[in-house]
Amino acid sequence: QGKLVESGGDLVQPGGSLRLSCAASGFPFSTYAASWYRQAPGQERAFIARISYSGYSRDYADSVKGRFTISRDNGKNTVYLQMNSLKREDTAVYYCSASQYWGQGTQVTVSS
C-alpha cells in the first residue's frame, strides 16, 4: 500500500520562506510524476506545481510562478516545495500527490 507523508508546514511571516517535504513509500515513486496542491479555508483544492518522474519537466500555477520551486530526490523518494516570498493568501493546507495517492496535508500559515 502506497503512502505519502508531508512535513514542513509552519507559521511564517509575510515575505518569509518555507520548504515542504513529501516522503513516499510502498510504490515505485520514481516512475510517477508528483504534484503539490493546496486548500484554503472555504475553497476547493487547487493545483500548485507538478514535476515529471525524471524531474526535468515542471509546471506551476500562475499564482506561485517565480516564488515556489518544486523538486524531487528519487533516491530519497521525496518531493519538495520551496516557497519563497510568502503572502497571506498562501495560507492553506498543502497536499502532495503521486500515482493515486495523497498525503494527509501540512498546514502553512502566513501571518504577522
N, C-alpha and C. Protein backbone atom coordinates (compact mmCIF):
# COMPACT_ATOMS: atom_id res chain seq x y z
N GLN A 1 0.85 -1.19 0.00
CA GLN A 1 0.00 0.00 0.00
C GLN A 1 0.88 1.24 0.00
N GLY A 2 0.63 2.12 -0.95
CA GLY A 2 1.43 3.33 -1.04
C GLY A 2 1.04 4.35 -0.01
N LYS A 3 1.99 5.24 0.29
CA LYS A 3 1.76 6.26 1.30
C LYS A 3 2.59 7.49 0.98
N LEU A 4 2.01 8.66 1.26
CA LEU A 4 2.71 9.93 1.14
C LEU A 4 2.56 10.68 2.46
N VAL A 5 3.65 11.22 2.96
CA VAL A 5 3.62 11.95 4.22
C VAL A 5 4.30 13.30 4.04
N GLU A 6 3.50 14.38 4.20
CA GLU A 6 4.04 15.72 4.09
C GLU A 6 4.58 16.20 5.44
N SER A 7 5.52 17.12 5.38
CA SER A 7 6.04 17.77 6.57
C SER A 7 6.60 19.13 6.19
N GLY A 8 6.86 19.95 7.21
CA GLY A 8 7.48 21.24 6.97
C GLY A 8 6.56 22.44 7.09
N GLY A 9 5.26 22.21 7.23
CA GLY A 9 4.34 23.32 7.40
C GLY A 9 4.59 24.06 8.71
N ASP A 10 4.30 25.36 8.71
CA ASP A 10 4.61 26.16 9.90
C ASP A 10 3.91 27.50 9.79
N LEU A 11 4.04 28.31 10.83
CA LEU A 11 3.61 29.70 10.82
C LEU A 11 4.81 30.54 10.40
N VAL A 12 4.62 31.38 9.39
CA VAL A 12 5.72 32.20 8.88
C VAL A 12 5.19 33.59 8.58
N GLN A 13 6.07 34.58 8.70
CA GLN A 13 5.68 35.95 8.42
C GLN A 13 5.63 36.22 6.92
N PRO A 14 4.82 37.16 6.50
CA PRO A 14 4.82 37.54 5.06
C PRO A 14 6.22 37.89 4.60
N GLY A 15 6.57 37.40 3.41
CA GLY A 15 7.90 37.59 2.88
C GLY A 15 8.88 36.50 3.24
N GLY A 16 8.47 35.62 4.13
CA GLY A 16 9.33 34.54 4.58
C GLY A 16 9.35 33.36 3.63
N SER A 17 10.07 32.31 4.05
CA SER A 17 10.24 31.12 3.23
C SER A 17 9.97 29.86 4.05
N LEU A 18 9.56 28.82 3.36
CA LEU A 18 9.39 27.50 3.94
C LEU A 18 9.73 26.47 2.88
N ARG A 19 10.18 25.30 3.33
CA ARG A 19 10.34 24.17 2.43
C ARG A 19 9.51 23.01 2.94
N LEU A 20 8.59 22.56 2.09
CA LEU A 20 7.78 21.40 2.41
C LEU A 20 8.43 20.16 1.81
N SER A 21 8.25 19.04 2.51
CA SER A 21 8.73 17.76 2.03
C SER A 21 7.57 16.78 1.98
N CYS A 22 7.68 15.82 1.08
CA CYS A 22 6.68 14.77 0.96
C CYS A 22 7.42 13.46 0.71
N ALA A 23 7.37 12.58 1.68
CA ALA A 23 8.07 11.30 1.60
C ALA A 23 7.12 10.22 1.14
N ALA A 24 7.54 9.48 0.11
CA ALA A 24 6.72 8.42 -0.45
C ALA A 24 7.25 7.05 -0.02
N SER A 25 6.34 6.11 0.08
CA SER A 25 6.72 4.73 0.39
C SER A 25 5.67 3.78 -0.16
N GLY A 26 6.07 2.55 -0.39
CA GLY A 26 5.13 1.50 -0.76
C GLY A 26 4.73 1.43 -2.22
N PHE A 27 5.34 2.27 -3.06
CA PHE A 27 5.07 2.21 -4.51
C PHE A 27 6.29 2.79 -5.22
N PRO A 28 6.43 2.54 -6.54
CA PRO A 28 7.63 2.99 -7.27
C PRO A 28 7.56 4.49 -7.58
N PHE A 29 7.83 5.28 -6.56
CA PHE A 29 7.70 6.73 -6.65
C PHE A 29 8.47 7.32 -7.83
N SER A 30 9.64 6.79 -8.11
CA SER A 30 10.50 7.38 -9.15
C SER A 30 9.93 7.23 -10.55
N THR A 31 8.88 6.45 -10.71
CA THR A 31 8.28 6.26 -12.02
C THR A 31 7.03 7.12 -12.23
N TYR A 32 6.70 7.95 -11.25
CA TYR A 32 5.49 8.77 -11.33
C TYR A 32 5.81 10.25 -11.23
N ALA A 33 5.04 11.05 -11.96
CA ALA A 33 5.06 12.48 -11.70
C ALA A 33 4.51 12.72 -10.30
N ALA A 34 4.87 13.87 -9.74
CA ALA A 34 4.39 14.24 -8.41
C ALA A 34 3.89 15.68 -8.44
N SER A 35 2.91 15.96 -7.61
CA SER A 35 2.30 17.28 -7.62
C SER A 35 2.06 17.78 -6.20
N TRP A 36 1.97 19.10 -6.10
CA TRP A 36 1.54 19.76 -4.87
C TRP A 36 0.23 20.50 -5.16
N TYR A 37 -0.66 20.42 -4.19
CA TYR A 37 -1.93 21.14 -4.23
C TYR A 37 -2.08 21.87 -2.89
N ARG A 38 -3.01 22.78 -2.84
CA ARG A 38 -3.32 23.42 -1.57
C ARG A 38 -4.81 23.70 -1.48
N GLN A 39 -5.28 23.77 -0.24
CA GLN A 39 -6.69 24.06 0.00
C GLN A 39 -6.80 25.07 1.13
N ALA A 40 -7.29 26.24 0.78
CA ALA A 40 -7.51 27.30 1.76
C ALA A 40 -8.90 27.14 2.35
N PRO A 41 -9.13 27.69 3.54
CA PRO A 41 -10.45 27.57 4.17
C PRO A 41 -11.57 28.07 3.26
N GLY A 42 -12.59 27.25 3.10
CA GLY A 42 -13.73 27.64 2.29
C GLY A 42 -13.52 27.56 0.79
N GLN A 43 -12.36 27.05 0.38
CA GLN A 43 -12.07 26.96 -1.05
C GLN A 43 -11.81 25.52 -1.46
N GLU A 44 -11.87 25.27 -2.76
CA GLU A 44 -11.57 23.95 -3.27
C GLU A 44 -10.06 23.74 -3.35
N ARG A 45 -9.67 22.48 -3.37
CA ARG A 45 -8.26 22.14 -3.52
C ARG A 45 -7.78 22.61 -4.88
N ALA A 46 -6.62 23.26 -4.91
CA ALA A 46 -6.11 23.86 -6.14
C ALA A 46 -4.71 23.38 -6.46
N PHE A 47 -4.44 23.20 -7.73
CA PHE A 47 -3.11 22.79 -8.21
C PHE A 47 -2.08 23.88 -7.96
N ILE A 48 -0.89 23.46 -7.51
CA ILE A 48 0.21 24.40 -7.28
C ILE A 48 1.37 24.12 -8.22
N ALA A 49 1.83 22.89 -8.25
CA ALA A 49 3.02 22.59 -9.03
C ALA A 49 3.07 21.09 -9.33
N ARG A 50 3.76 20.77 -10.43
CA ARG A 50 3.91 19.39 -10.85
C ARG A 50 5.32 19.19 -11.36
N ILE A 51 5.89 18.01 -11.09
CA ILE A 51 7.22 17.67 -11.59
C ILE A 51 7.16 16.30 -12.21
N SER A 52 7.79 16.13 -13.34
CA SER A 52 7.80 14.83 -14.03
C SER A 52 8.59 13.81 -13.23
N TYR A 53 8.47 12.54 -13.61
CA TYR A 53 9.13 11.48 -12.86
C TYR A 53 10.64 11.68 -12.83
N SER A 54 11.19 12.24 -13.90
CA SER A 54 12.64 12.43 -14.00
C SER A 54 13.10 13.73 -13.35
N GLY A 55 12.14 14.65 -13.15
CA GLY A 55 12.49 15.96 -12.61
C GLY A 55 12.82 17.00 -13.66
N TYR A 56 12.83 16.61 -14.93
CA TYR A 56 13.21 17.55 -15.99
C TYR A 56 12.09 18.50 -16.38
N SER A 57 10.86 18.12 -16.16
CA SER A 57 9.73 18.95 -16.54
C SER A 57 8.97 19.41 -15.30
N ARG A 58 8.68 20.71 -15.24
CA ARG A 58 7.99 21.29 -14.10
C ARG A 58 6.93 22.27 -14.59
N ASP A 59 5.81 22.30 -13.91
CA ASP A 59 4.74 23.23 -14.22
C ASP A 59 4.26 23.87 -12.92
N TYR A 60 3.81 25.13 -13.04
CA TYR A 60 3.36 25.87 -11.87
C TYR A 60 2.06 26.60 -12.15
N ALA A 61 1.28 26.77 -11.10
CA ALA A 61 0.13 27.66 -11.19
C ALA A 61 0.65 29.09 -11.29
N ASP A 62 -0.10 29.92 -11.98
CA ASP A 62 0.33 31.32 -12.15
C ASP A 62 0.51 32.02 -10.81
N SER A 63 -0.29 31.63 -9.82
CA SER A 63 -0.27 32.31 -8.53
C SER A 63 1.04 32.11 -7.77
N VAL A 64 1.82 31.09 -8.13
CA VAL A 64 3.05 30.81 -7.39
C VAL A 64 4.29 30.87 -8.28
N LYS A 65 4.10 31.05 -9.56
CA LYS A 65 5.22 31.06 -10.50
C LYS A 65 6.23 32.14 -10.13
N GLY A 66 7.50 31.77 -10.06
CA GLY A 66 8.54 32.71 -9.70
C GLY A 66 8.81 32.79 -8.21
N ARG A 67 7.92 32.21 -7.40
CA ARG A 67 8.10 32.23 -5.94
C ARG A 67 8.32 30.82 -5.38
N PHE A 68 7.65 29.84 -5.96
CA PHE A 68 7.74 28.46 -5.48
C PHE A 68 8.56 27.62 -6.46
N THR A 69 9.27 26.64 -5.94
CA THR A 69 10.04 25.72 -6.76
C THR A 69 9.79 24.29 -6.30
N ILE A 70 9.38 23.44 -7.24
CA ILE A 70 9.19 22.02 -6.94
C ILE A 70 10.44 21.27 -7.37
N SER A 71 10.83 20.29 -6.56
CA SER A 71 11.99 19.47 -6.90
C SER A 71 11.77 18.08 -6.31
N ARG A 72 12.62 17.14 -6.69
CA ARG A 72 12.48 15.78 -6.17
C ARG A 72 13.84 15.13 -6.05
N ASP A 73 13.92 14.17 -5.14
CA ASP A 73 15.09 13.34 -4.96
C ASP A 73 14.60 11.90 -5.01
N ASN A 74 14.73 11.27 -6.15
CA ASN A 74 14.20 9.90 -6.30
C ASN A 74 14.97 8.90 -5.45
N GLY A 75 16.21 9.22 -5.11
CA GLY A 75 16.98 8.35 -4.23
C GLY A 75 16.40 8.32 -2.82
N LYS A 76 15.72 9.41 -2.45
CA LYS A 76 15.11 9.51 -1.13
C LYS A 76 13.59 9.37 -1.19
N ASN A 77 13.06 9.12 -2.40
CA ASN A 77 11.60 9.00 -2.58
C ASN A 77 10.87 10.21 -2.01
N THR A 78 11.39 11.39 -2.30
CA THR A 78 10.84 12.60 -1.69
C THR A 78 10.68 13.70 -2.74
N VAL A 79 9.58 14.43 -2.63
CA VAL A 79 9.35 15.62 -3.44
C VAL A 79 9.29 16.82 -2.50
N TYR A 80 9.82 17.93 -2.96
CA TYR A 80 9.92 19.13 -2.14
C TYR A 80 9.17 20.29 -2.79
N LEU A 81 8.79 21.25 -1.95
CA LEU A 81 8.24 22.51 -2.44
C LEU A 81 8.90 23.63 -1.67
N GLN A 82 9.79 24.35 -2.33
CA GLN A 82 10.44 25.51 -1.74
C GLN A 82 9.55 26.73 -2.00
N MET A 83 9.16 27.38 -0.93
CA MET A 83 8.23 28.51 -1.04
C MET A 83 8.93 29.77 -0.53
N ASN A 84 9.10 30.74 -1.40
CA ASN A 84 9.73 32.00 -1.05
C ASN A 84 8.73 33.15 -1.21
N SER A 85 9.07 34.28 -0.63
CA SER A 85 8.22 35.48 -0.74
C SER A 85 6.77 35.16 -0.41
N LEU A 86 6.57 34.48 0.69
CA LEU A 86 5.22 34.03 1.03
C LEU A 86 4.29 35.20 1.32
N LYS A 87 3.05 35.01 0.92
CA LYS A 87 2.00 36.01 1.09
C LYS A 87 0.89 35.44 1.98
N ARG A 88 0.09 36.32 2.55
CA ARG A 88 -1.00 35.86 3.40
C ARG A 88 -1.93 34.92 2.64
N GLU A 89 -2.10 35.18 1.37
CA GLU A 89 -3.00 34.34 0.57
C GLU A 89 -2.43 32.96 0.26
N ASP A 90 -1.20 32.71 0.66
CA ASP A 90 -0.63 31.36 0.54
C ASP A 90 -1.04 30.46 1.70
N THR A 91 -1.71 31.02 2.69
CA THR A 91 -2.18 30.24 3.83
C THR A 91 -3.14 29.15 3.36
N ALA A 92 -2.82 27.91 3.70
CA ALA A 92 -3.63 26.77 3.25
C ALA A 92 -3.04 25.49 3.83
N VAL A 93 -3.79 24.41 3.65
CA VAL A 93 -3.24 23.08 3.87
C VAL A 93 -2.65 22.62 2.54
N TYR A 94 -1.41 22.18 2.57
CA TYR A 94 -0.69 21.78 1.36
C TYR A 94 -0.63 20.25 1.30
N TYR A 95 -0.97 19.72 0.14
CA TYR A 95 -1.02 18.27 -0.09
C TYR A 95 -0.08 17.89 -1.23
N CYS A 96 0.54 16.72 -1.12
CA CYS A 96 1.27 16.18 -2.26
C CYS A 96 0.49 14.98 -2.80
N SER A 97 0.76 14.70 -4.07
CA SER A 97 0.08 13.61 -4.75
C SER A 97 1.03 12.95 -5.74
N ALA A 98 0.97 11.64 -5.82
CA ALA A 98 1.72 10.87 -6.81
C ALA A 98 0.99 9.56 -7.02
N SER A 99 0.96 9.11 -8.29
CA SER A 99 0.14 7.94 -8.64
C SER A 99 -1.29 8.22 -8.15
N GLN A 100 -1.92 7.27 -7.47
CA GLN A 100 -3.27 7.53 -6.98
C GLN A 100 -3.29 7.95 -5.52
N TYR A 101 -2.13 8.26 -4.97
CA TYR A 101 -2.02 8.52 -3.54
C TYR A 101 -1.99 10.02 -3.22
N TRP A 102 -2.51 10.33 -2.04
CA TRP A 102 -2.49 11.67 -1.49
C TRP A 102 -1.95 11.62 -0.07
N GLY A 103 -1.23 12.65 0.32
CA GLY A 103 -0.81 12.77 1.70
C GLY A 103 -1.93 13.34 2.56
N GLN A 104 -1.64 13.46 3.84
CA GLN A 104 -2.65 13.94 4.79
C GLN A 104 -2.67 15.46 4.88
N GLY A 105 -1.67 16.10 4.33
CA GLY A 105 -1.62 17.56 4.32
C GLY A 105 -0.77 18.13 5.43
N THR A 106 -0.22 19.32 5.18
CA THR A 106 0.55 20.05 6.19
C THR A 106 0.13 21.52 6.13
N GLN A 107 -0.08 22.12 7.30
CA GLN A 107 -0.64 23.46 7.38
C GLN A 107 0.46 24.50 7.22
N VAL A 108 0.22 25.44 6.32
CA VAL A 108 1.08 26.61 6.17
C VAL A 108 0.24 27.84 6.48
N THR A 109 0.71 28.63 7.43
CA THR A 109 0.02 29.85 7.81
C THR A 109 0.98 31.02 7.65
N VAL A 110 0.57 31.99 6.86
CA VAL A 110 1.39 33.18 6.63
C VAL A 110 0.70 34.35 7.32
N SER A 111 1.33 34.83 8.37
CA SER A 111 0.70 35.88 9.18
C SER A 111 1.77 36.60 9.98
N SER A 112 1.53 37.88 10.23
CA SER A 112 2.43 38.65 11.08
C SER A 112 1.91 38.65 12.52
